[in-house]
C-alpha atoms as a PDB file:
ATOM      1  CA  MET A   1      46.127  -3.638 -17.628  1.00  0.00           C
ATOM      2  CA  LYS A   2      42.537  -4.337 -16.728  1.00  0.00           C
ATOM      3  CA  THR A   3      39.936  -1.662 -16.111  1.00  0.00           C
ATOM      4  CA  TYR A   4      37.684  -2.072 -13.086  1.00  0.00           C
ATOM      5  CA  VAL A   5      34.540  -0.323 -11.896  1.00  0.00           C
ATOM      6  CA  LEU A   6      34.564   0.297  -8.138  1.00  0.00           C
ATOM      7  CA  SER A   7      31.465   1.267  -6.216  1.00  0.00           C
ATOM      8  CA  PHE A   8      31.344   2.277  -2.559  1.00  0.00           C
ATOM      9  CA  GLU A   9      28.792   2.785   0.205  1.00  0.00           C
ATOM     10  CA  LEU A  10      30.655   4.771   2.831  1.00  0.00           C
ATOM     11  CA  ASN A  11      29.543   5.903   6.257  1.00  0.00           C
ATOM     12  CA  ASN A  12      30.199   9.607   6.757  1.00  0.00           C
ATOM     13  CA  ASP A  13      30.865   8.985  10.468  1.00  0.00           C
ATOM     14  CA  TYR A  14      34.288   7.529   9.604  1.00  0.00           C
ATOM     15  CA  ASP A  15      37.395   9.139   8.127  1.00  0.00           C
ATOM     16  CA  GLN A  16      37.876   7.623   4.659  1.00  0.00           C
ATOM     17  CA  SER A  17      41.077   9.525   3.822  1.00  0.00           C
ATOM     18  CA  MET A  18      43.277   6.448   4.336  1.00  0.00           C
ATOM     19  CA  MET A  19      41.042   4.374   2.067  1.00  0.00           C
ATOM     20  CA  PHE A  20      41.233   6.951  -0.732  1.00  0.00           C
ATOM     21  CA  GLU A  21      45.006   7.235  -0.290  1.00  0.00           C
ATOM     22  CA  GLU A  22      45.231   3.443  -0.638  1.00  0.00           C
ATOM     23  CA  LEU A  23      42.961   3.521  -3.678  1.00  0.00           C
ATOM     24  CA  ALA A  24      45.350   5.913  -5.410  1.00  0.00           C
ATOM     25  CA  THR A  25      48.227   3.418  -5.004  1.00  0.00           C
ATOM     26  CA  LEU A  26      46.430   0.671  -6.932  1.00  0.00           C
ATOM     27  CA  GLY A  27      46.755   2.129 -10.433  1.00  0.00           C
ATOM     28  CA  GLU A  28      45.364   4.803 -12.728  1.00  0.00           C
ATOM     29  CA  LEU A  29      42.220   6.197 -11.160  1.00  0.00           C
ATOM     30  CA  GLN A  30      39.267   8.223 -12.476  1.00  0.00           C
ATOM     31  CA  GLN A  31      36.276   9.302 -10.403  1.00  0.00           C
ATOM     32  CA  VAL A  32      33.047   8.773 -12.352  1.00  0.00           C
ATOM     33  CA  MET A  33      30.400   9.737  -9.801  1.00  0.00           C
ATOM     34  CA  SER A  34      30.471  10.519  -6.091  1.00  0.00           C
ATOM     35  CA  SER A  35      30.809   6.853  -5.087  1.00  0.00           C
ATOM     36  CA  THR A  36      31.967   5.227  -8.348  1.00  0.00           C
ATOM     37  CA  TRP A  37      35.492   5.048  -9.746  1.00  0.00           C
ATOM     38  CA  PHE A  38      37.315   3.516 -12.708  1.00  0.00           C
ATOM     39  CA  LEU A  39      40.653   1.892 -11.933  1.00  0.00           C
ATOM     40  CA  LYS A  40      43.264   0.557 -14.365  1.00  0.00           C
ATOM     41  CA  SER A  41      45.364  -2.005 -12.537  1.00  0.00           C
ATOM     42  CA  GLU A  42      47.349  -5.205 -12.970  1.00  0.00           C
ATOM     43  CA  ARG A  43      45.808  -6.592  -9.780  1.00  0.00           C
ATOM     44  CA  THR A  44      42.801  -8.903  -9.575  1.00  0.00           C
ATOM     45  CA  ALA A  45      39.387  -7.754  -8.370  1.00  0.00           C
ATOM     46  CA  LYS A  46      39.839  -9.817  -5.192  1.00  0.00           C
ATOM     47  CA  GLU A  47      43.249  -8.266  -4.474  1.00  0.00           C
ATOM     48  CA  ILE A  48      41.814  -4.769  -4.922  1.00  0.00           C
ATOM     49  CA  ARG A  49      38.822  -5.540  -2.703  1.00  0.00           C
ATOM     50  CA  ASP A  50      40.975  -7.044   0.025  1.00  0.00           C
ATOM     51  CA  GLN A  51      43.418  -4.131   0.040  1.00  0.00           C
ATOM     52  CA  LEU A  52      40.632  -1.531   0.240  1.00  0.00           C
ATOM     53  CA  ALA A  53      38.646  -3.520   2.818  1.00  0.00           C
ATOM     54  CA  GLU A  54      41.434  -2.965   5.341  1.00  0.00           C
ATOM     55  CA  HIS A  55      40.481   0.728   5.354  1.00  0.00           C
ATOM     56  CA  LEU A  56      36.685   0.396   5.502  1.00  0.00           C
ATOM     57  CA  ALA A  57      34.500   0.547   8.593  1.00  0.00           C
ATOM     58  CA  PRO A  58      32.557  -2.665   9.367  1.00  0.00           C
ATOM     59  CA  ASP A  59      29.304  -1.301   7.906  1.00  0.00           C
ATOM     60  CA  GLU A  60      30.872   0.119   4.715  1.00  0.00           C
ATOM     61  CA  ARG A  61      30.706  -1.647   1.343  1.00  0.00           C
ATOM     62  CA  VAL A  62      32.848  -1.910  -1.763  1.00  0.00           C
ATOM     63  CA  MET A  63      32.264  -3.735  -5.050  1.00  0.00           C
ATOM     64  CA  VAL A  64      35.004  -4.284  -7.641  1.00  0.00           C
ATOM     65  CA  MET A  65      34.038  -5.429 -11.158  1.00  0.00           C
ATOM     66  CA  LYS A  66      36.215  -5.965 -14.197  1.00  0.00           C
ATOM     67  CA  SER A  67      34.874  -3.866 -17.046  1.00  0.00           C
ATOM     68  CA  THR A  68      33.784  -5.921 -20.040  1.00  0.00           C
ATOM     69  CA  GLY A  69      31.653  -5.183 -23.056  1.00  0.00           C
ATOM     70  CA  PRO A  70      30.072  -1.971 -24.271  1.00  0.00           C
ATOM     71  CA  ALA A  71      29.462   1.012 -22.028  1.00  0.00           C
ATOM     72  CA  ALA A  72      27.235   4.075 -22.135  1.00  0.00           C
ATOM     73  CA  TRP A  73      27.267   7.133 -19.897  1.00  0.00           C
ATOM     74  CA  ARG A  74      26.014  10.673 -19.490  1.00  0.00           C
ATOM     75  CA  ASN A  75      27.394  13.623 -17.579  1.00  0.00           C
ATOM     76  CA  VAL A  76      30.076  11.779 -15.608  1.00  0.00           C
ATOM     77  CA  MET A  77      32.791  13.512 -13.579  1.00  0.00           C
ATOM     78  CA  CYS A  78      35.795  12.123 -15.468  1.00  0.00           C
ATOM     79  CA  ASP A  79      37.015  12.886 -18.966  1.00  0.00           C
ATOM     80  CA  ASN A  80      34.996  11.275 -21.794  1.00  0.00           C
ATOM     81  CA  LYS A  81      38.179  10.640 -23.778  1.00  0.00           C
ATOM     82  CA  TRP A  82      39.571   8.528 -20.918  1.00  0.00           C
ATOM     83  CA  ILE A  83      36.393   6.435 -20.871  1.00  0.00           C
ATOM     84  CA  VAL A  84      36.449   5.888 -24.626  1.00  0.00           C
ATOM     85  CA  GLU A  85      40.117   4.869 -24.565  1.00  0.00           C
ATOM     86  CA  ASN A  86      39.928   2.618 -21.511  1.00  0.00           C
ATOM     87  CA  LEU A  87      36.413   1.360 -20.891  1.00  0.00           C
ATOM     88  CA  SER A  88      34.225   1.182 -23.947  1.00  0.00           C
ATOM     89  CA  LYS A  89      36.419  -1.025 -26.132  1.00  0.00           C
END
């Protein structure tokens, strides 16, 4: 499985519950910060983007990047052990 970094700019005027429900179906998910998530999935970045885009308002944004190379972090919301095992290798 690949690990992706997902970043969102969401408009609070819209109900994002369907988008977050869809996000949970894509693979193993960890919230890093309020608008940033890690996702382990067999899908491609484009497939993930396209599936989530169906649930975004026209002015909302999403970016999906495959995680590569070293990582560093401080005081994130998810478990450090998960990051070490899945992202920083």
